[in-house]
All heavy atoms as atom14 arrays in JSON, in Angstrom:
{
  "sequence": "NILFYGDSNTWGYDPSCGLRYAYEKRWTSVC",
  "atom14_mask": [
    [1, 1, 1, 1, 1, 1, 1, 1, 0, 0, 0, 0, 0, 0],
    [1, 1, 1, 1, 1, 1, 1, 1, 0, 0, 0, 0, 0, 0],
    [1, 1, 1, 1, 1, 1, 1, 1, 0, 0, 0, 0, 0, 0],
    [1, 1, 1, 1, 1, 1, 1, 1, 1, 1, 1, 0, 0, 0],
    [1, 1, 1, 1, 1, 1, 1, 1, 1, 1, 1, 1, 0, 0],
    [1, 1, 1, 1, 0, 0, 0, 0, 0, 0, 0, 0, 0, 0],
    [1, 1, 1, 1, 1, 1, 1, 1, 0, 0, 0, 0, 0, 0],
    [1, 1, 1, 1, 1, 1, 0, 0, 0, 0, 0, 0, 0, 0],
    [1, 1, 1, 1, 1, 1, 1, 1, 0, 0, 0, 0, 0, 0],
    [1, 1, 1, 1, 1, 1, 1, 0, 0, 0, 0, 0, 0, 0],
    [1, 1, 1, 1, 1, 1, 1, 1, 1, 1, 1, 1, 1, 1],
    [1, 1, 1, 1, 0, 0, 0, 0, 0, 0, 0, 0, 0, 0],
    [1, 1, 1, 1, 1, 1, 1, 1, 1, 1, 1, 1, 0, 0],
    [1, 1, 1, 1, 1, 1, 1, 1, 0, 0, 0, 0, 0, 0],
    [1, 1, 1, 1, 1, 1, 1, 0, 0, 0, 0, 0, 0, 0],
    [1, 1, 1, 1, 1, 1, 0, 0, 0, 0, 0, 0, 0, 0],
    [1, 1, 1, 1, 1, 1, 0, 0, 0, 0, 0, 0, 0, 0],
    [1, 1, 1, 1, 0, 0, 0, 0, 0, 0, 0, 0, 0, 0],
    [1, 1, 1, 1, 1, 1, 1, 1, 0, 0, 0, 0, 0, 0],
    [1, 1, 1, 1, 1, 1, 1, 1, 1, 1, 1, 0, 0, 0],
    [1, 1, 1, 1, 1, 1, 1, 1, 1, 1, 1, 1, 0, 0],
    [1, 1, 1, 1, 1, 0, 0, 0, 0, 0, 0, 0, 0, 0],
    [1, 1, 1, 1, 1, 1, 1, 1, 1, 1, 1, 1, 0, 0],
    [1, 1, 1, 1, 1, 1, 1, 1, 1, 0, 0, 0, 0, 0],
    [1, 1, 1, 1, 1, 1, 1, 1, 1, 0, 0, 0, 0, 0],
    [1, 1, 1, 1, 1, 1, 1, 1, 1, 1, 1, 0, 0, 0],
    [1, 1, 1, 1, 1, 1, 1, 1, 1, 1, 1, 1, 1, 1],
    [1, 1, 1, 1, 1, 1, 1, 0, 0, 0, 0, 0, 0, 0],
    [1, 1, 1, 1, 1, 1, 0, 0, 0, 0, 0, 0, 0, 0],
    [1, 1, 1, 1, 1, 1, 1, 0, 0, 0, 0, 0, 0, 0],
    [1, 1, 1, 1, 1, 1, 0, 0, 0, 0, 0, 0, 0, 0]
  ],
  "atom14_positions": [
    [[-53.32, -54.88, -27.78], [-51.95, -55.03, -27.25], [-51.14, -56.03, -28.05], [-51.56, -57.16, -28.21], [-52.0, -55.45, -25.77], [-52.64, -54.39, -24.89], [-52.3, -53.23, -24.94], [-53.63, -54.82, -24.11], [0.0, 0.0, 0.0], [0.0, 0.0, 0.0], [0.0, 0.0, 0.0], [0.0, 0.0, 0.0], [0.0, 0.0, 0.0], [0.0, 0.0, 0.0]],
    [[-49.95, -55.56, -28.53], [-49.11, -56.35, -29.39], [-47.72, -56.44, -28.83], [-47.07, -55.45, -28.51], [-49.01, -55.75, -30.8], [-50.42, -55.44, -31.37], [-48.26, -56.67, -31.74], [-50.39, -54.42, -32.5], [0.0, 0.0, 0.0], [0.0, 0.0, 0.0], [0.0, 0.0, 0.0], [0.0, 0.0, 0.0], [0.0, 0.0, 0.0], [0.0, 0.0, 0.0]],
    [[-47.22, -57.68, -28.7], [-45.81, -57.93, -28.26], [-45.0, -58.29, -29.48], [-45.35, -59.22, -30.23], [-45.74, -59.05, -27.23], [-44.33, -59.45, -26.78], [-43.68, -58.34, -26.0], [-44.39, -60.75, -25.99], [0.0, 0.0, 0.0], [0.0, 0.0, 0.0], [0.0, 0.0, 0.0], [0.0, 0.0, 0.0], [0.0, 0.0, 0.0], [0.0, 0.0, 0.0]],
    [[-43.88, -57.54, -29.73], [-42.99, -57.84, -30.84], [-41.75, -58.59, -30.25], [-40.98, -57.95, -29.48], [-42.52, -56.6, -31.53], [-43.59, -55.83, -32.24], [-44.25, -54.77, -31.58], [-44.0, -56.16, -33.53], [-45.26, -54.07, -32.23], [-45.0, -55.49, -34.12], [-45.65, -54.41, -33.52], [0.0, 0.0, 0.0], [0.0, 0.0, 0.0], [0.0, 0.0, 0.0]],
    [[-41.64, -59.83, -30.53], [-40.58, -60.67, -29.91], [-39.53, -61.06, -31.0], [-39.86, -61.74, -31.93], [-41.21, -61.92, -29.31], [-40.34, -62.74, -28.4], [-39.9, -62.21, -27.19], [-39.96, -64.06, -28.71], [-39.09, -62.96, -26.34], [-39.14, -64.8, -27.86], [-38.77, -64.23, -26.69], [-37.95, -65.0, -25.81], [0.0, 0.0, 0.0], [0.0, 0.0, 0.0]],
    [[-38.32, -60.52, -30.84], [-37.37, -60.75, -31.9], [-35.92, -60.64, -31.44], [-35.61, -60.64, -30.24], [0.0, 0.0, 0.0], [0.0, 0.0, 0.0], [0.0, 0.0, 0.0], [0.0, 0.0, 0.0], [0.0, 0.0, 0.0], [0.0, 0.0, 0.0], [0.0, 0.0, 0.0], [0.0, 0.0, 0.0], [0.0, 0.0, 0.0], [0.0, 0.0, 0.0]],
    [[-35.04, -60.44, -32.45], [-33.6, -60.37, -32.17], [-33.09, -58.94, -32.37], [-33.8, -57.98, -32.12], [-32.83, -61.41, -33.04], [-33.18, -61.31, -34.52], [-33.52, -60.21, -34.96], [-33.06, -62.33, -35.2], [0.0, 0.0, 0.0], [0.0, 0.0, 0.0], [0.0, 0.0, 0.0], [0.0, 0.0, 0.0], [0.0, 0.0, 0.0], [0.0, 0.0, 0.0]],
    [[-31.88, -58.85, -32.92], [-31.26, -57.51, -33.04], [-31.96, -56.64, -34.06], [-31.9, -55.42, -33.94], [-29.79, -57.66, -33.41], [-29.63, -58.52, -34.57], [0.0, 0.0, 0.0], [0.0, 0.0, 0.0], [0.0, 0.0, 0.0], [0.0, 0.0, 0.0], [0.0, 0.0, 0.0], [0.0, 0.0, 0.0], [0.0, 0.0, 0.0], [0.0, 0.0, 0.0]],
    [[-32.63, -57.2, -35.04], [-33.36, -56.41, -35.99], [-34.65, -55.81, -35.39], [-35.16, -54.82, -35.83], [-33.67, -57.18, -37.28], [-32.53, -57.14, -38.25], [-31.87, -56.11, -38.36], [-32.28, -58.23, -38.95], [0.0, 0.0, 0.0], [0.0, 0.0, 0.0], [0.0, 0.0, 0.0], [0.0, 0.0, 0.0], [0.0, 0.0, 0.0], [0.0, 0.0, 0.0]],
    [[-35.15, -56.45, -34.32], [-36.26, -55.92, -33.57], [-35.73, -54.92, -32.52], [-36.37, -53.9, -32.24], [-37.1, -57.02, -32.9], [-37.63, -57.86, -33.92], [-38.22, -56.48, -32.06], [0.0, 0.0, 0.0], [0.0, 0.0, 0.0], [0.0, 0.0, 0.0], [0.0, 0.0, 0.0], [0.0, 0.0, 0.0], [0.0, 0.0, 0.0], [0.0, 0.0, 0.0]],
    [[-34.58, -55.21, -32.0], [-33.94, -54.27, -31.07], [-33.54, -52.96, -31.73], [-33.62, -51.91, -31.11], [-32.69, -54.94, -30.5], [-31.9, -54.19, -29.45], [-32.23, -54.07, -28.11], [-30.71, -53.44, -29.69], [-31.27, -53.27, -27.48], [-30.33, -52.9, -28.42], [-29.9, -53.18, -30.79], [-29.19, -52.13, -28.28], [-28.77, -52.43, -30.65], [-28.42, -51.91, -29.38]],
    [[-33.15, -53.01, -33.0], [-32.81, -51.84, -33.74], [-31.32, -51.65, -34.0], [-30.85, -50.54, -34.07], [0.0, 0.0, 0.0], [0.0, 0.0, 0.0], [0.0, 0.0, 0.0], [0.0, 0.0, 0.0], [0.0, 0.0, 0.0], [0.0, 0.0, 0.0], [0.0, 0.0, 0.0], [0.0, 0.0, 0.0], [0.0, 0.0, 0.0], [0.0, 0.0, 0.0]],
    [[-30.6, -52.74, -34.22], [-29.17, -52.68, -34.41], [-28.81, -51.96, -35.73], [-29.32, -52.31, -36.81], [-28.62, -54.12, -34.43], [-27.08, -54.18, -34.57], [-26.3, -54.32, -33.42], [-26.46, -54.17, -35.81], [-24.9, -54.41, -33.54], [-25.09, -54.28, -35.93], [-24.31, -54.42, -34.79], [-22.96, -54.53, -34.9], [0.0, 0.0, 0.0], [0.0, 0.0, 0.0]],
    [[-27.93, -50.98, -35.65], [-27.47, -50.23, -36.82], [-26.18, -50.81, -37.33], [-25.11, -50.69, -36.66], [-27.29, -48.74, -36.41], [-26.87, -47.85, -37.59], [-26.51, -48.38, -38.67], [-26.93, -46.62, -37.41], [0.0, 0.0, 0.0], [0.0, 0.0, 0.0], [0.0, 0.0, 0.0], [0.0, 0.0, 0.0], [0.0, 0.0, 0.0], [0.0, 0.0, 0.0]],
    [[-26.17, -51.46, -38.5], [-24.94, -52.14, -39.01], [-23.82, -51.12, -39.36], [-22.68, -51.57, -39.47], [-25.41, -52.88, -40.22], [-26.62, -52.09, -40.69], [-27.28, -51.61, -39.43], [0.0, 0.0, 0.0], [0.0, 0.0, 0.0], [0.0, 0.0, 0.0], [0.0, 0.0, 0.0], [0.0, 0.0, 0.0], [0.0, 0.0, 0.0], [0.0, 0.0, 0.0]],
    [[-24.15, -49.89, -39.49], [-23.12, -48.91, -39.89], [-22.21, -48.5, -38.75], [-21.12, -48.02, -38.93], [-23.75, -47.65, -40.51], [-24.44, -46.9, -39.48], [0.0, 0.0, 0.0], [0.0, 0.0, 0.0], [0.0, 0.0, 0.0], [0.0, 0.0, 0.0], [0.0, 0.0, 0.0], [0.0, 0.0, 0.0], [0.0, 0.0, 0.0], [0.0, 0.0, 0.0]],
    [[-22.7, -48.72, -37.48], [-21.89, -48.32, -36.32], [-21.93, -49.28, -35.14], [-21.2, -49.1, -34.17], [-22.32, -46.92, -35.88], [-24.04, -46.84, -35.35], [0.0, 0.0, 0.0], [0.0, 0.0, 0.0], [0.0, 0.0, 0.0], [0.0, 0.0, 0.0], [0.0, 0.0, 0.0], [0.0, 0.0, 0.0], [0.0, 0.0, 0.0], [0.0, 0.0, 0.0]],
    [[-22.83, -50.22, -35.2], [-22.96, -51.17, -34.09], [-23.78, -50.68, -32.92], [-23.91, -51.38, -31.91], [0.0, 0.0, 0.0], [0.0, 0.0, 0.0], [0.0, 0.0, 0.0], [0.0, 0.0, 0.0], [0.0, 0.0, 0.0], [0.0, 0.0, 0.0], [0.0, 0.0, 0.0], [0.0, 0.0, 0.0], [0.0, 0.0, 0.0], [0.0, 0.0, 0.0]],
    [[-24.35, -49.5, -33.07], [-25.19, -48.93, -32.0], [-26.66, -49.19, -32.35], [-26.99, -49.98, -33.22], [-24.91, -47.45, -31.82], [-23.45, -47.09, -31.47], [-23.27, -45.58, -31.42], [-23.04, -47.77, -30.16], [0.0, 0.0, 0.0], [0.0, 0.0, 0.0], [0.0, 0.0, 0.0], [0.0, 0.0, 0.0], [0.0, 0.0, 0.0], [0.0, 0.0, 0.0]],
    [[-27.54, -48.51, -31.67], [-28.96, -48.71, -31.85], [-29.58, -47.55, -32.57], [-29.31, -46.37, -32.28], [-29.67, -48.88, -30.48], [-31.03, -49.49, -30.52], [-31.55, -49.64, -29.07], [-32.73, -50.49, -29.05], [-33.44, -50.78, -27.95], [-33.01, -50.31, -26.78], [-34.51, -51.55, -28.02], [0.0, 0.0, 0.0], [0.0, 0.0, 0.0], [0.0, 0.0, 0.0]],
    [[-30.45, -47.87, -33.58], [-31.15, -46.77, -34.25], [-31.99, -46.0, -33.28], [-32.45, -46.53, -32.22], [-32.11, -47.35, -35.31], [-31.45, -47.85, -36.57], [-31.5, -49.18, -36.9], [-30.86, -46.93, -37.44], [-30.94, -49.64, -38.09], [-30.24, -47.37, -38.62], [-30.33, -48.74, -38.96], [-29.72, -49.18, -40.13], [0.0, 0.0, 0.0], [0.0, 0.0, 0.0]],
    [[-32.18, -44.7, -33.53], [-33.08, -43.9, -32.69], [-34.45, -44.56, -32.64], [-34.87, -45.25, -33.59], [-33.19, -42.51, -33.26], [0.0, 0.0, 0.0], [0.0, 0.0, 0.0], [0.0, 0.0, 0.0], [0.0, 0.0, 0.0], [0.0, 0.0, 0.0], [0.0, 0.0, 0.0], [0.0, 0.0, 0.0], [0.0, 0.0, 0.0], [0.0, 0.0, 0.0]],
    [[-35.13, -44.36, -31.53], [-36.4, -45.04, -31.32], [-37.36, -44.94, -32.49], [-37.93, -45.93, -32.94], [-37.08, -44.48, -30.05], [-38.42, -45.07, -29.75], [-38.56, -46.27, -29.07], [-39.6, -44.4, -30.15], [-39.79, -46.84, -28.85], [-40.84, -44.96, -29.9], [-40.94, -46.14, -29.24], [-42.16, -46.73, -29.0], [0.0, 0.0, 0.0], [0.0, 0.0, 0.0]],
    [[-37.5, -43.74, -33.01], [-38.47, -43.52, -34.09], [-38.12, -44.16, -35.41], [-38.94, -44.24, -36.32], [-38.69, -41.99, -34.27], [-37.53, -41.24, -34.83], [-36.53, -40.81, -33.75], [-36.7, -41.21, -32.58], [-35.59, -40.04, -34.08], [0.0, 0.0, 0.0], [0.0, 0.0, 0.0], [0.0, 0.0, 0.0], [0.0, 0.0, 0.0], [0.0, 0.0, 0.0]],
    [[-36.85, -44.62, -35.54], [-36.41, -45.19, -36.81], [-36.52, -46.75, -36.84], [-36.36, -47.33, -37.89], [-34.91, -44.79, -37.06], [-34.75, -43.33, -37.32], [-33.28, -42.98, -37.59], [-33.11, -41.49, -37.88], [-31.66, -41.15, -38.11], [0.0, 0.0, 0.0], [0.0, 0.0, 0.0], [0.0, 0.0, 0.0], [0.0, 0.0, 0.0], [0.0, 0.0, 0.0]],
    [[-36.82, -47.35, -35.7], [-36.91, -48.82, -35.69], [-38.23, -49.25, -36.29], [-39.26, -48.53, -36.19], [-36.85, -49.29, -34.21], [-35.54, -48.86, -33.52], [-35.61, -49.11, -32.03], [-34.67, -48.24, -31.33], [-34.75, -47.95, -30.01], [-35.72, -48.51, -29.28], [-33.88, -47.12, -29.46], [0.0, 0.0, 0.0], [0.0, 0.0, 0.0], [0.0, 0.0, 0.0]],
    [[-38.27, -50.4, -36.91], [-39.47, -50.87, -37.57], [-40.65, -51.02, -36.64], [-41.79, -50.8, -37.08], [-39.18, -52.13, -38.37], [-39.03, -53.43, -37.61], [-37.84, -54.02, -37.26], [-40.06, -54.3, -37.17], [-38.1, -55.18, -36.6], [-39.42, -55.41, -36.53], [-41.47, -54.31, -37.27], [-40.18, -56.45, -35.97], [-42.2, -55.34, -36.7], [-41.54, -56.39, -36.06]],
    [[-40.4, -51.41, -35.39], [-41.48, -51.52, -34.45], [-42.11, -50.15, -34.17], [-43.33, -50.06, -33.99], [-41.0, -52.15, -33.15], [-39.87, -51.44, -32.68], [-40.61, -53.61, -33.36], [0.0, 0.0, 0.0], [0.0, 0.0, 0.0], [0.0, 0.0, 0.0], [0.0, 0.0, 0.0], [0.0, 0.0, 0.0], [0.0, 0.0, 0.0], [0.0, 0.0, 0.0]],
    [[-41.31, -49.14, -34.13], [-41.83, -47.81, -33.89], [-42.53, -47.23, -35.1], [-43.59, -46.57, -34.97], [-40.66, -46.84, -33.46], [-39.97, -47.31, -32.33], [0.0, 0.0, 0.0], [0.0, 0.0, 0.0], [0.0, 0.0, 0.0], [0.0, 0.0, 0.0], [0.0, 0.0, 0.0], [0.0, 0.0, 0.0], [0.0, 0.0, 0.0], [0.0, 0.0, 0.0]],
    [[-41.98, -47.55, -36.27], [-42.68, -47.13, -37.52], [-44.04, -47.78, -37.57], [-45.07, -47.18, -37.9], [-41.84, -47.55, -38.73], [-42.6, -47.3, -40.03], [-40.52, -46.81, -38.76], [0.0, 0.0, 0.0], [0.0, 0.0, 0.0], [0.0, 0.0, 0.0], [0.0, 0.0, 0.0], [0.0, 0.0, 0.0], [0.0, 0.0, 0.0], [0.0, 0.0, 0.0]],
    [[-44.07, -49.04, -37.22], [-45.34, -49.82, -37.17], [-46.33, -49.15, -36.21], [-47.48, -48.92, -36.53], [-45.07, -51.24, -36.81], [-46.49, -52.29, -36.71], [0.0, 0.0, 0.0], [0.0, 0.0, 0.0], [0.0, 0.0, 0.0], [0.0, 0.0, 0.0], [0.0, 0.0, 0.0], [0.0, 0.0, 0.0], [0.0, 0.0, 0.0], [0.0, 0.0, 0.0]]
  ]
}
């Protein structure tokens, strides 16, 4: 069991639009 504790880059903030990347595109999901 792994907890990823972070900020907007862990949340998945998309700088191109200010929304959130799709779940599968976030680095935590890739991991």
